[in-house]
Amino acid sequence: MDGIKYAVFTEKSIRLLGNNQYTSNVESGSTRTEIKHWVELFFGVKVIAMNSHRLPGKGRRVGPIKGHTMH
């Protein structure tokens, strides 16, 4: 269970709990199959479908130089 950091509790995630859909933050290098395996082991359920995404980095600018931070 090293990969799953913590559960996310927002208005949307609490609303999704009624549909047995859960949200959590995981390690950034985790793959979909690893996350699915962790959830099945920890909660003892069969994962039917899963969504995941990586947040884009924020744009930063120092004078004339433009760049971005890591996600």
PDB file of N, CA and C in Angstrom:
ATOM      1  N   MET A   1       0.820  -1.193   0.000  1.00  0.00           N
ATOM      2  CA  MET A   1       0.000   0.000   0.000  1.00  0.00           C
ATOM      3  C   MET A   1       0.858   1.248   0.000  1.00  0.00           C
ATOM      4  N   ASP A   2       2.087   1.124  -0.474  1.00  0.00           N
ATOM      5  CA  ASP A   2       2.961   2.289  -0.526  1.00  0.00           C
ATOM      6  C   ASP A   2       2.476   3.306  -1.546  1.00  0.00           C
ATOM      7  N   GLY A   3       1.787   2.855  -2.579  1.00  0.00           N
ATOM      8  CA  GLY A   3       1.424   3.747  -3.658  1.00  0.00           C
ATOM      9  C   GLY A   3       0.251   4.658  -3.381  1.00  0.00           C
ATOM     10  N   ILE A   4      -0.709   4.211  -2.592  1.00  0.00           N
ATOM     11  CA  ILE A   4      -1.886   5.037  -2.300  1.00  0.00           C
ATOM     12  C   ILE A   4      -1.550   5.931  -1.120  1.00  0.00           C
ATOM     13  N   LYS A   5      -1.566   7.256  -1.356  1.00  0.00           N
ATOM     14  CA  LYS A   5      -1.193   8.208  -0.306  1.00  0.00           C
ATOM     15  C   LYS A   5      -2.341   8.472   0.655  1.00  0.00           C
ATOM     16  N   TYR A   6      -3.447   9.004   0.138  1.00  0.00           N
ATOM     17  CA  TYR A   6      -4.581   9.352   0.993  1.00  0.00           C
ATOM     18  C   TYR A   6      -5.827   9.531   0.137  1.00  0.00           C
ATOM     19  N   ALA A   7      -6.978   9.469   0.782  1.00  0.00           N
ATOM     20  CA  ALA A   7      -8.255   9.672   0.103  1.00  0.00           C
ATOM     21  C   ALA A   7      -8.506  11.166  -0.072  1.00  0.00           C
ATOM     22  N   VAL A   8      -9.197  11.517  -1.145  1.00  0.00           N
ATOM     23  CA  VAL A   8      -9.526  12.906  -1.437  1.00  0.00           C
ATOM     24  C   VAL A   8     -10.992  13.123  -1.080  1.00  0.00           C
ATOM     25  N   PHE A   9     -11.268  14.141  -0.263  1.00  0.00           N
ATOM     26  CA  PHE A   9     -12.641  14.441   0.139  1.00  0.00           C
ATOM     27  C   PHE A   9     -13.006  15.845  -0.320  1.00  0.00           C
ATOM     28  N   THR A  10     -13.712  15.910  -1.438  1.00  0.00           N
ATOM     29  CA  THR A  10     -14.261  17.154  -1.958  1.00  0.00           C
ATOM     30  C   THR A  10     -15.764  16.954  -2.136  1.00  0.00           C
ATOM     31  N   GLU A  11     -16.466  17.991  -2.541  1.00  0.00           N
ATOM     32  CA  GLU A  11     -17.903  17.849  -2.761  1.00  0.00           C
ATOM     33  C   GLU A  11     -18.194  16.806  -3.829  1.00  0.00           C
ATOM     34  N   LYS A  12     -17.423  16.827  -4.892  1.00  0.00           N
ATOM     35  CA  LYS A  12     -17.645  15.870  -5.972  1.00  0.00           C
ATOM     36  C   LYS A  12     -17.325  14.450  -5.533  1.00  0.00           C
ATOM     37  N   SER A  13     -16.212  14.266  -4.811  1.00  0.00           N
ATOM     38  CA  SER A  13     -15.834  12.910  -4.398  1.00  0.00           C
ATOM     39  C   SER A  13     -16.829  12.342  -3.393  1.00  0.00           C
ATOM     40  N   ILE A  14     -17.381  13.183  -2.527  1.00  0.00           N
ATOM     41  CA  ILE A  14     -18.385  12.710  -1.574  1.00  0.00           C
ATOM     42  C   ILE A  14     -19.666  12.313  -2.311  1.00  0.00           C
ATOM     43  N   ARG A  15     -20.014  13.049  -3.359  1.00  0.00           N
ATOM     44  CA  ARG A  15     -21.188  12.706  -4.167  1.00  0.00           C
ATOM     45  C   ARG A  15     -20.967  11.378  -4.901  1.00  0.00           C
ATOM     46  N   LEU A  16     -19.733  11.112  -5.346  1.00  0.00           N
ATOM     47  CA  LEU A  16     -19.431   9.876  -6.060  1.00  0.00           C
ATOM     48  C   LEU A  16     -19.420   8.654  -5.148  1.00  0.00           C
ATOM     49  N   LEU A  17     -19.263   8.863  -3.834  1.00  0.00           N
ATOM     50  CA  LEU A  17     -19.290   7.740  -2.899  1.00  0.00           C
ATOM     51  C   LEU A  17     -20.630   7.002  -2.950  1.00  0.00           C
ATOM     52  N   GLY A  18     -21.698   7.718  -3.275  1.00  0.00           N
ATOM     53  CA  GLY A  18     -23.011   7.090  -3.404  1.00  0.00           C
ATOM     54  C   GLY A  18     -23.063   6.094  -4.548  1.00  0.00           C
ATOM     55  N   ASN A  19     -22.203   6.256  -5.541  1.00  0.00           N
ATOM     56  CA  ASN A  19     -22.141   5.346  -6.692  1.00  0.00           C
ATOM     57  C   ASN A  19     -21.017   4.323  -6.544  1.00  0.00           C
ATOM     58  N   ASN A  20     -20.464   4.192  -5.332  1.00  0.00           N
ATOM     59  CA  ASN A  20     -19.326   3.303  -5.066  1.00  0.00           C
ATOM     60  C   ASN A  20     -18.112   3.660  -5.919  1.00  0.00           C
ATOM     61  N   GLN A  21     -17.888   4.949  -6.115  1.00  0.00           N
ATOM     62  CA  GLN A  21     -16.712   5.443  -6.826  1.00  0.00           C
ATOM     63  C   GLN A  21     -15.858   6.200  -5.824  1.00  0.00           C
ATOM     64  N   TYR A  22     -14.570   5.881  -5.794  1.00  0.00           N
ATOM     65  CA  TYR A  22     -13.681   6.438  -4.781  1.00  0.00           C
ATOM     66  C   TYR A  22     -12.557   7.222  -5.437  1.00  0.00           C
ATOM     67  N   THR A  23     -12.079   8.260  -4.760  1.00  0.00           N
ATOM     68  CA  THR A  23     -10.983   9.074  -5.262  1.00  0.00           C
ATOM     69  C   THR A  23      -9.856   9.061  -4.238  1.00  0.00           C
ATOM     70  N   SER A  24      -8.623   9.016  -4.749  1.00  0.00           N
ATOM     71  CA  SER A  24      -7.464   9.050  -3.856  1.00  0.00           C
ATOM     72  C   SER A  24      -6.260   9.546  -4.632  1.00  0.00           C
ATOM     73  N   ASN A  25      -5.294  10.063  -3.906  1.00  0.00           N
ATOM     74  CA  ASN A  25      -4.030  10.471  -4.492  1.00  0.00           C
ATOM     75  C   ASN A  25      -3.058   9.303  -4.384  1.00  0.00           C
ATOM     76  N   VAL A  26      -2.293   9.088  -5.457  1.00  0.00           N
ATOM     77  CA  VAL A  26      -1.325   7.998  -5.488  1.00  0.00           C
ATOM     78  C   VAL A  26       0.038   8.556  -5.867  1.00  0.00           C
ATOM     79  N   GLU A  27       1.058   7.727  -5.774  1.00  0.00           N
ATOM     80  CA  GLU A  27       2.413   8.123  -6.166  1.00  0.00           C
ATOM     81  C   GLU A  27       2.425   8.537  -7.633  1.00  0.00           C
ATOM     82  N   SER A  28       3.260   9.482  -7.978  1.00  0.00           N
ATOM     83  CA  SER A  28       3.243  10.039  -9.329  1.00  0.00           C
ATOM     84  C   SER A  28       3.725   9.055 -10.392  1.00  0.00           C
ATOM     85  N   GLY A  29       4.566   8.102 -10.052  1.00  0.00           N
ATOM     86  CA  GLY A  29       5.082   7.164 -11.053  1.00  0.00           C
ATOM     87  C   GLY A  29       4.264   5.900 -11.188  1.00  0.00           C
ATOM     88  N   SER A  30       3.098   5.823 -10.559  1.00  0.00           N
ATOM     89  CA  SER A  30       2.293   4.611 -10.558  1.00  0.00           C
ATOM     90  C   SER A  30       1.571   4.426 -11.889  1.00  0.00           C
ATOM     91  N   THR A  31       1.454   3.172 -12.311  1.00  0.00           N
ATOM     92  CA  THR A  31       0.711   2.858 -13.527  1.00  0.00           C
ATOM     93  C   THR A  31      -0.710   2.459 -13.154  1.00  0.00           C
ATOM     94  N   ARG A  32      -1.565   2.411 -14.166  1.00  0.00           N
ATOM     95  CA  ARG A  32      -2.964   2.061 -13.925  1.00  0.00           C
ATOM     96  C   ARG A  32      -3.100   0.647 -13.368  1.00  0.00           C
ATOM     97  N   THR A  33      -2.303  -0.283 -13.882  1.00  0.00           N
ATOM     98  CA  THR A  33      -2.401  -1.664 -13.403  1.00  0.00           C
ATOM     99  C   THR A  33      -1.927  -1.786 -11.961  1.00  0.00           C
ATOM    100  N   GLU A  34      -0.910  -1.025 -11.572  1.00  0.00           N
ATOM    101  CA  GLU A  34      -0.454  -1.037 -10.182  1.00  0.00           C
ATOM    102  C   GLU A  34      -1.533  -0.496  -9.247  1.00  0.00           C
ATOM    103  N   ILE A  35      -2.156   0.603  -9.633  1.00  0.00           N
ATOM    104  CA  ILE A  35      -3.206   1.208  -8.813  1.00  0.00           C
ATOM    105  C   ILE A  35      -4.376   0.240  -8.668  1.00  0.00           C
ATOM    106  N   LYS A  36      -4.764  -0.392  -9.760  1.00  0.00           N
ATOM    107  CA  LYS A  36      -5.856  -1.358  -9.731  1.00  0.00           C
ATOM    108  C   LYS A  36      -5.516  -2.512  -8.788  1.00  0.00           C
ATOM    109  N   HIS A  37      -4.294  -3.006  -8.859  1.00  0.00           N
ATOM    110  CA  HIS A  37      -3.869  -4.114  -8.002  1.00  0.00           C
ATOM    111  C   HIS A  37      -3.905  -3.712  -6.533  1.00  0.00           C
ATOM    112  N   TRP A  38      -3.421  -2.509  -6.201  1.00  0.00           N
ATOM    113  CA  TRP A  38      -3.420  -2.025  -4.818  1.00  0.00           C
ATOM    114  C   TRP A  38      -4.841  -1.928  -4.274  1.00  0.00           C
ATOM    115  N   VAL A  39      -5.757  -1.379  -5.066  1.00  0.00           N
ATOM    116  CA  VAL A  39      -7.138  -1.206  -4.612  1.00  0.00           C
ATOM    117  C   VAL A  39      -7.796  -2.563  -4.384  1.00  0.00           C
ATOM    118  N   GLU A  40      -7.560  -3.510  -5.296  1.00  0.00           N
ATOM    119  CA  GLU A  40      -8.151  -4.834  -5.128  1.00  0.00           C
ATOM    120  C   GLU A  40      -7.604  -5.542  -3.894  1.00  0.00           C
ATOM    121  N   LEU A  41      -6.317  -5.398  -3.609  1.00  0.00           N
ATOM    122  CA  LEU A  41      -5.737  -6.023  -2.422  1.00  0.00           C
ATOM    123  C   LEU A  41      -6.221  -5.369  -1.132  1.00  0.00           C
ATOM    124  N   PHE A  42      -6.198  -4.055  -1.085  1.00  0.00           N
ATOM    125  CA  PHE A  42      -6.501  -3.337   0.149  1.00  0.00           C
ATOM    126  C   PHE A  42      -7.980  -3.407   0.520  1.00  0.00           C
ATOM    127  N   PHE A  43      -8.869  -3.181  -0.463  1.00  0.00           N
ATOM    128  CA  PHE A  43     -10.298  -3.126  -0.186  1.00  0.00           C
ATOM    129  C   PHE A  43     -11.002  -4.458  -0.401  1.00  0.00           C
ATOM    130  N   GLY A  44     -10.353  -5.423  -1.037  1.00  0.00           N
ATOM    131  CA  GLY A  44     -10.968  -6.723  -1.270  1.00  0.00           C
ATOM    132  C   GLY A  44     -12.138  -6.671  -2.231  1.00  0.00           C
ATOM    133  N   VAL A  45     -12.034  -5.843  -3.262  1.00  0.00           N
ATOM    134  CA  VAL A  45     -13.105  -5.702  -4.250  1.00  0.00           C
ATOM    135  C   VAL A  45     -12.536  -5.967  -5.637  1.00  0.00           C
ATOM    136  N   LYS A  46     -13.417  -6.165  -6.609  1.00  0.00           N
ATOM    137  CA  LYS A  46     -13.028  -6.323  -7.996  1.00  0.00           C
ATOM    138  C   LYS A  46     -13.208  -4.985  -8.696  1.00  0.00           C
ATOM    139  N   VAL A  47     -12.134  -4.426  -9.233  1.00  0.00           N
ATOM    140  CA  VAL A  47     -12.198  -3.136  -9.927  1.00  0.00           C
ATOM    141  C   VAL A  47     -12.719  -3.369 -11.334  1.00  0.00           C
ATOM    142  N   ILE A  48     -13.836  -2.728 -11.658  1.00  0.00           N
ATOM    143  CA  ILE A  48     -14.442  -2.866 -12.988  1.00  0.00           C
ATOM    144  C   ILE A  48     -13.833  -1.854 -13.950  1.00  0.00           C
ATOM    145  N   ALA A  49     -13.761  -0.601 -13.534  1.00  0.00           N
ATOM    146  CA  ALA A  49     -13.208   0.457 -14.377  1.00  0.00           C
ATOM    147  C   ALA A  49     -12.474   1.451 -13.495  1.00  0.00           C
ATOM    148  N   MET A  50     -11.509   2.159 -14.107  1.00  0.00           N
ATOM    149  CA  MET A  50     -10.724   3.109 -13.337  1.00  0.00           C
ATOM    150  C   MET A  50     -10.322   4.278 -14.236  1.00  0.00           C
ATOM    151  N   ASN A  51     -10.361   5.464 -13.675  1.00  0.00           N
ATOM    152  CA  ASN A  51      -9.895   6.657 -14.370  1.00  0.00           C
ATOM    153  C   ASN A  51      -8.690   7.195 -13.632  1.00  0.00           C
ATOM    154  N   SER A  52      -7.714   7.689 -14.381  1.00  0.00           N
ATOM    155  CA  SER A  52      -6.550   8.319 -13.763  1.00  0.00           C
ATOM    156  C   SER A  52      -6.075   9.434 -14.681  1.00  0.00           C
ATOM    157  N   HIS A  53      -5.378  10.400 -14.094  1.00  0.00           N
ATOM    158  CA  HIS A  53      -4.817  11.484 -14.890  1.00  0.00           C
ATOM    159  C   HIS A  53      -3.621  12.080 -14.164  1.00  0.00           C
ATOM    160  N   ARG A  54      -2.797  12.774 -14.906  1.00  0.00           N
ATOM    161  CA  ARG A  54      -1.655  13.483 -14.344  1.00  0.00           C
ATOM    162  C   ARG A  54      -1.870  14.968 -14.544  1.00  0.00           C
ATOM    163  N   LEU A  55      -1.698  15.708 -13.476  1.00  0.00           N
ATOM    164  CA  LEU A  55      -1.900  17.146 -13.559  1.00  0.00           C
ATOM    165  C   LEU A  55      -0.783  17.793 -14.371  1.00  0.00           C
ATOM    166  N   PRO A  56      -1.109  18.761 -15.226  1.00  0.00           N
ATOM    167  CA  PRO A  56      -0.065  19.458 -15.972  1.00  0.00           C
ATOM    168  C   PRO A  56       0.706  20.414 -15.061  1.00  0.00           C
ATOM    169  N   GLY A  57       1.952  20.716 -15.427  1.00  0.00           N
ATOM    170  CA  GLY A  57       2.752  21.656 -14.660  1.00  0.00           C
ATOM    171  C   GLY A  57       2.251  23.071 -14.832  1.00  0.00           C
ATOM    172  N   LYS A  58       2.462  23.901 -13.828  1.00  0.00           N
ATOM    173  CA  LYS A  58       2.040  25.294 -13.898  1.00  0.00           C
ATOM    174  C   LYS A  58       3.087  26.103 -14.652  1.00  0.00           C
ATOM    175  N   GLY A  59       2.627  27.089 -15.412  1.00  0.00           N
ATOM    176  CA  GLY A  59       3.522  27.968 -16.131  1.00  0.00           C
ATOM    177  C   GLY A  59       4.201  28.955 -15.194  1.00  0.00           C
ATOM    178  N   ARG A  60       5.475  29.169 -15.378  1.00  0.00           N
ATOM    179  CA  ARG A  60       6.228  30.119 -14.570  1.00  0.00           C
ATOM    180  C   ARG A  60       7.020  31.028 -15.509  1.00  0.00           C
ATOM    181  N   ARG A  61       7.256  32.246 -15.030  1.00  0.00           N
ATOM    182  CA  ARG A  61       8.000  33.191 -15.846  1.00  0.00           C
ATOM    183  C   ARG A  61       8.902  34.013 -14.943  1.00  0.00           C
ATOM    184  N   VAL A  62      10.174  34.103 -15.313  1.00  0.00           N
ATOM    185  CA  VAL A  62      11.145  34.940 -14.602  1.00  0.00           C
ATOM    186  C   VAL A  62      11.725  35.884 -15.644  1.00  0.00           C
ATOM    187  N   GLY A  63      11.229  37.103 -15.657  1.00  0.00           N
ATOM    188  CA  GLY A  63      11.667  38.061 -16.672  1.00  0.00           C
ATOM    189  C   GLY A  63      11.218  37.599 -18.050  1.00  0.00           C
ATOM    190  N   PRO A  64      12.130  37.597 -19.015  1.00  0.00           N
ATOM    191  CA  PRO A  64      11.739  37.189 -20.361  1.00  0.00           C
ATOM    192  C   PRO A  64      11.736  35.672 -20.556  1.00  0.00           C
ATOM    193  N   ILE A  65      12.199  34.919 -19.563  1.00  0.00           N
ATOM    194  CA  ILE A  65      12.321  33.463 -19.701  1.00  0.00           C
ATOM    195  C   ILE A  65      11.043  32.798 -19.214  1.00  0.00           C
ATOM    196  N   LYS A  66      10.432  31.995 -20.092  1.00  0.00           N
ATOM    197  CA  LYS A  66       9.221  31.262 -19.736  1.00  0.00           C
ATOM    198  C   LYS A  66       9.591  29.794 -19.471  1.00  0.00           C
ATOM    199  N   GLY A  67       8.883  29.212 -18.539  1.00  0.00           N
ATOM    200  CA  GLY A  67       9.116  27.818 -18.217  1.00  0.00           C
ATOM    201  C   GLY A  67       7.898  27.239 -17.530  1.00  0.00           C
ATOM    202  N   HIS A  68       8.079  26.073 -16.936  1.00  0.00           N
ATOM    203  CA  HIS A  68       6.963  25.451 -16.210  1.00  0.00           C
ATOM    204  C   HIS A  68       7.524  24.578 -15.102  1.00  0.00           C
ATOM    205  N   THR A  69       6.680  24.333 -14.102  1.00  0.00           N
ATOM    206  CA  THR A  69       7.077  23.471 -13.008  1.00  0.00           C
ATOM    207  C   THR A  69       6.702  22.037 -13.350  1.00  0.00           C
ATOM    208  N   MET A  70       7.206  21.121 -12.573  1.00  0.00           N
ATOM    209  CA  MET A  70       6.846  19.715 -12.768  1.00  0.00           C
ATOM    210  C   MET A  70       5.435  19.496 -12.251  1.00  0.00           C
ATOM    211  N   HIS A  71       4.759  18.465 -12.751  1.00  0.00           N
ATOM    212  CA  HIS A  71       3.404  18.157 -12.281  1.00  0.00           C
ATOM    213  C   HIS A  71       3.458  17.438 -10.960  1.00  0.00           C
TER     214      HIS A  71
END
